[in-house]
N, C-alpha and C. Protein backbone atom coordinates (compact mmCIF):
# COMPACT_ATOMS: atom_id res chain seq x y z
N UNK A 1 32.02 -11.76 9.47
CA UNK A 1 31.78 -10.99 8.49
C UNK A 1 30.80 -11.61 7.67
N UNK A 2 30.88 -12.81 7.11
CA UNK A 2 30.05 -13.42 6.28
C UNK A 2 28.70 -13.67 6.82
N UNK A 3 28.63 -13.98 8.03
CA UNK A 3 27.42 -14.17 8.80
C UNK A 3 26.66 -12.93 8.77
N UNK A 4 27.28 -11.68 8.93
CA UNK A 4 26.53 -10.48 9.05
C UNK A 4 26.04 -10.31 7.58
N UNK A 5 26.81 -10.61 6.57
CA UNK A 5 26.24 -10.20 5.24
C UNK A 5 25.19 -11.25 4.94
N UNK A 6 25.22 -12.38 5.43
CA UNK A 6 24.08 -13.33 5.04
C UNK A 6 22.78 -12.99 5.68
N UNK A 7 22.93 -12.40 6.88
CA UNK A 7 21.72 -11.84 7.75
C UNK A 7 21.20 -10.73 6.95
N UNK A 8 22.08 -9.82 6.56
CA UNK A 8 21.72 -8.61 5.93
C UNK A 8 20.90 -8.83 4.64
N UNK A 9 21.55 -10.03 3.87
CA UNK A 9 20.69 -10.27 2.52
C UNK A 9 19.50 -11.00 2.68
N UNK A 10 19.23 -11.62 4.02
CA UNK A 10 17.95 -12.21 4.32
C UNK A 10 17.02 -11.22 4.73
N UNK A 11 17.33 -10.22 5.34
CA UNK A 11 16.54 -8.99 5.94
C UNK A 11 16.05 -8.12 4.71
N UNK A 12 16.99 -7.94 3.84
CA UNK A 12 16.73 -6.77 2.97
C UNK A 12 15.91 -7.44 1.70
N UNK A 13 15.00 -6.73 1.40
CA UNK A 13 13.96 -7.27 0.36
C UNK A 13 14.55 -6.96 -1.09
N UNK A 14 14.48 -7.87 -2.07
CA UNK A 14 14.90 -7.52 -3.30
C UNK A 14 14.43 -6.58 -3.89
N UNK A 15 15.15 -5.73 -4.73
CA UNK A 15 14.80 -4.51 -5.18
C UNK A 15 14.40 -4.71 -6.79
N UNK A 16 13.37 -4.06 -7.14
CA UNK A 16 12.88 -4.14 -8.47
C UNK A 16 13.54 -3.45 -9.38
N UNK A 17 13.73 -3.84 -10.75
CA UNK A 17 14.38 -3.10 -11.76
C UNK A 17 13.54 -1.87 -11.89
N UNK A 18 14.24 -0.64 -12.34
CA UNK A 18 13.60 0.67 -12.44
C UNK A 18 12.61 0.78 -13.46
N UNK A 19 12.70 -0.23 -14.61
CA UNK A 19 11.85 -0.19 -15.84
C UNK A 19 10.61 -1.10 -15.45
N UNK A 20 10.62 -1.63 -14.47
CA UNK A 20 9.45 -2.58 -14.02
C UNK A 20 8.52 -1.75 -13.02
N UNK A 21 9.02 -0.81 -12.56
CA UNK A 21 8.35 0.06 -11.45
C UNK A 21 6.83 0.59 -12.24
N UNK A 22 5.77 0.64 -11.44
CA UNK A 22 4.66 1.04 -12.10
C UNK A 22 4.49 2.59 -12.35
N UNK A 23 5.14 3.37 -11.46
CA UNK A 23 5.30 4.75 -11.94
C UNK A 23 5.99 5.03 -13.24
N UNK A 24 7.14 4.09 -13.56
CA UNK A 24 7.72 4.21 -14.76
C UNK A 24 6.96 3.92 -15.95
N UNK A 25 6.31 2.80 -15.74
CA UNK A 25 5.34 2.34 -16.94
C UNK A 25 4.16 3.43 -17.09
N UNK A 26 3.66 3.84 -16.14
CA UNK A 26 2.58 4.87 -16.26
C UNK A 26 3.19 6.11 -17.18
N UNK A 27 4.49 6.50 -16.63
CA UNK A 27 4.93 7.62 -17.43
C UNK A 27 5.19 7.52 -18.87
N UNK A 28 5.70 6.31 -19.06
CA UNK A 28 6.14 5.82 -20.55
C UNK A 28 4.78 5.68 -21.29
N UNK A 29 3.71 5.22 -20.82
CA UNK A 29 2.52 5.10 -21.38
C UNK A 29 1.85 6.47 -21.57
N UNK A 30 1.93 7.47 -20.73
CA UNK A 30 1.50 8.73 -20.81
C UNK A 30 2.23 9.45 -22.08
N UNK A 31 3.54 9.36 -22.13
CA UNK A 31 4.16 10.02 -23.09
C UNK A 31 3.81 9.43 -24.42
N UNK A 32 3.94 8.15 -24.50
CA UNK A 32 3.44 7.48 -25.95
C UNK A 32 2.25 7.83 -26.35
N UNK A 33 1.23 7.54 -25.48
CA UNK A 33 -0.13 7.95 -25.89
C UNK A 33 -0.40 9.31 -26.09
N UNK A 34 0.31 10.29 -25.52
CA UNK A 34 0.14 11.63 -25.60
C UNK A 34 0.76 12.10 -27.01
N UNK A 35 1.84 11.42 -27.41
CA UNK A 35 2.42 11.92 -28.56
C UNK A 35 1.56 11.22 -29.74
N UNK A 36 1.02 10.12 -29.56
CA UNK A 36 0.18 9.56 -30.55
C UNK A 36 -0.93 10.37 -30.79
N UNK A 37 -1.57 10.88 -29.62
CA UNK A 37 -2.59 11.89 -29.68
C UNK A 37 -2.45 13.20 -30.38
N UNK A 38 -1.36 13.67 -30.00
CA UNK A 38 -0.82 14.91 -30.81
C UNK A 38 -0.68 14.56 -32.27
N UNK A 39 -0.03 13.59 -32.49
CA UNK A 39 0.29 13.17 -34.05
C UNK A 39 -1.06 13.02 -34.72
N UNK A 40 -1.88 12.25 -34.18
CA UNK A 40 -3.34 12.10 -34.65
C UNK A 40 -4.10 13.25 -34.87
N UNK A 41 -3.96 14.24 -33.87
CA UNK A 41 -4.69 15.52 -34.05
C UNK A 41 -4.15 16.36 -35.30
N UNK A 42 -2.73 16.41 -35.38
CA UNK A 42 -1.95 16.98 -36.21
C UNK A 42 -2.24 16.57 -37.80
N UNK A 43 -2.44 15.23 -37.88
CA UNK A 43 -2.52 14.62 -39.25
C UNK A 43 -4.06 14.54 -39.59
N UNK A 44 -4.81 14.93 -38.77
CA UNK A 44 -6.36 14.83 -38.96
C UNK A 44 -6.76 13.35 -39.20
N UNK A 45 -6.36 12.65 -38.21
CA UNK A 45 -6.66 11.17 -38.22
C UNK A 45 -8.13 10.72 -38.01
N UNK A 46 -8.53 9.45 -38.07
CA UNK A 46 -10.03 9.25 -37.69
C UNK A 46 -10.29 9.70 -36.41
N UNK A 47 -11.57 10.12 -36.19
CA UNK A 47 -12.10 10.67 -34.92
C UNK A 47 -12.00 9.55 -33.96
N UNK A 48 -12.40 8.20 -34.22
CA UNK A 48 -12.45 7.28 -33.19
C UNK A 48 -11.08 7.03 -32.65
N UNK A 49 -9.95 7.00 -33.49
CA UNK A 49 -8.72 6.92 -32.99
C UNK A 49 -8.38 8.02 -32.20
N UNK A 50 -8.78 9.20 -32.50
CA UNK A 50 -8.33 10.32 -31.51
C UNK A 50 -9.01 10.27 -30.13
N UNK A 51 -10.28 9.71 -30.11
CA UNK A 51 -10.97 9.46 -28.82
C UNK A 51 -10.21 8.38 -28.04
N UNK A 52 -9.84 7.41 -28.80
CA UNK A 52 -9.12 6.21 -28.03
C UNK A 52 -7.73 6.75 -27.48
N UNK A 53 -7.14 7.46 -28.33
CA UNK A 53 -5.85 7.88 -27.89
C UNK A 53 -5.88 9.22 -26.55
N UNK A 54 -7.17 9.81 -26.66
CA UNK A 54 -7.30 10.80 -25.72
C UNK A 54 -7.70 10.03 -24.39
N UNK A 55 -8.63 9.01 -24.47
CA UNK A 55 -8.94 8.14 -23.19
C UNK A 55 -7.75 7.49 -22.67
N UNK A 56 -6.93 6.86 -23.54
CA UNK A 56 -5.69 6.18 -23.07
C UNK A 56 -4.63 7.12 -22.50
N UNK A 57 -4.51 8.40 -22.93
CA UNK A 57 -3.50 9.33 -22.46
C UNK A 57 -4.23 9.76 -20.98
N UNK A 58 -5.53 9.90 -20.89
CA UNK A 58 -6.08 10.32 -19.65
C UNK A 58 -5.95 9.37 -18.56
N UNK A 59 -6.20 8.08 -19.04
CA UNK A 59 -5.95 6.89 -18.04
C UNK A 59 -4.56 6.80 -17.50
N UNK A 60 -3.67 6.95 -18.52
CA UNK A 60 -2.24 6.66 -18.17
C UNK A 60 -1.79 7.99 -17.09
N UNK A 61 -2.31 9.26 -17.52
CA UNK A 61 -1.86 10.29 -16.61
C UNK A 61 -2.56 10.10 -15.18
N UNK A 62 -3.71 9.50 -15.10
CA UNK A 62 -4.24 9.39 -13.79
C UNK A 62 -3.63 8.25 -12.98
N UNK A 63 -3.18 7.37 -13.65
CA UNK A 63 -2.32 6.27 -13.00
C UNK A 63 -0.96 6.80 -12.53
N UNK A 64 -0.41 7.47 -13.34
CA UNK A 64 0.79 8.24 -12.94
C UNK A 64 0.61 9.20 -11.77
N UNK A 65 -0.44 9.83 -11.69
CA UNK A 65 -0.59 10.82 -10.71
C UNK A 65 -0.80 9.92 -9.37
N UNK A 66 -1.58 8.95 -9.35
CA UNK A 66 -1.97 8.12 -8.31
C UNK A 66 -0.63 7.57 -7.80
N UNK A 67 0.21 7.03 -8.68
CA UNK A 67 1.52 6.36 -8.11
C UNK A 67 2.35 7.43 -7.44
N UNK A 68 2.64 8.69 -8.11
CA UNK A 68 3.19 9.90 -7.63
C UNK A 68 2.65 10.33 -6.09
N UNK A 69 1.43 10.39 -6.12
CA UNK A 69 0.90 10.81 -4.82
C UNK A 69 0.97 9.67 -3.75
N UNK A 70 0.91 8.58 -4.00
CA UNK A 70 1.43 7.48 -3.09
C UNK A 70 2.72 7.39 -2.68
N UNK A 71 3.57 7.80 -3.49
CA UNK A 71 5.06 7.75 -3.07
C UNK A 71 5.28 9.02 -2.31
N UNK A 72 4.64 10.37 -2.51
CA UNK A 72 4.94 11.26 -1.67
C UNK A 72 4.41 11.07 -0.28
N UNK A 73 3.27 10.39 -0.20
CA UNK A 73 2.74 10.06 1.05
C UNK A 73 3.53 9.33 1.83
N UNK A 74 4.18 8.15 1.26
CA UNK A 74 5.21 7.21 1.70
C UNK A 74 6.45 7.95 2.32
N UNK A 75 6.78 8.82 1.43
CA UNK A 75 8.11 9.61 1.91
C UNK A 75 7.85 10.41 3.10
N UNK A 76 6.62 11.03 3.21
CA UNK A 76 6.31 11.89 4.22
C UNK A 76 6.20 11.19 5.52
N UNK A 77 5.51 9.89 5.46
CA UNK A 77 5.35 9.13 6.57
C UNK A 77 6.74 8.54 7.18
N UNK A 78 7.70 8.34 6.34
CA UNK A 78 8.94 7.96 6.48
C UNK A 78 9.90 8.89 7.36
N UNK A 79 9.74 10.23 6.91
CA UNK A 79 10.45 11.32 7.48
C UNK A 79 10.06 11.61 8.94
């Protein structure tokens, strides 16, 4: 039994923590930057900061969309 467990441990790839996954990071960035953008628009903040927040939100959402699309493609290929 210990030989089997050792072989299984060698074959199985180490798993990444959920908070280190790229899709989770992109989702958190999208939410954070989106909330900042809404807050800046609501409080009539500086225009340059609104533009930076909008671009950051757009980039984070685009990254998240890409990660989710790749995950869907991988799951379809595996099925």
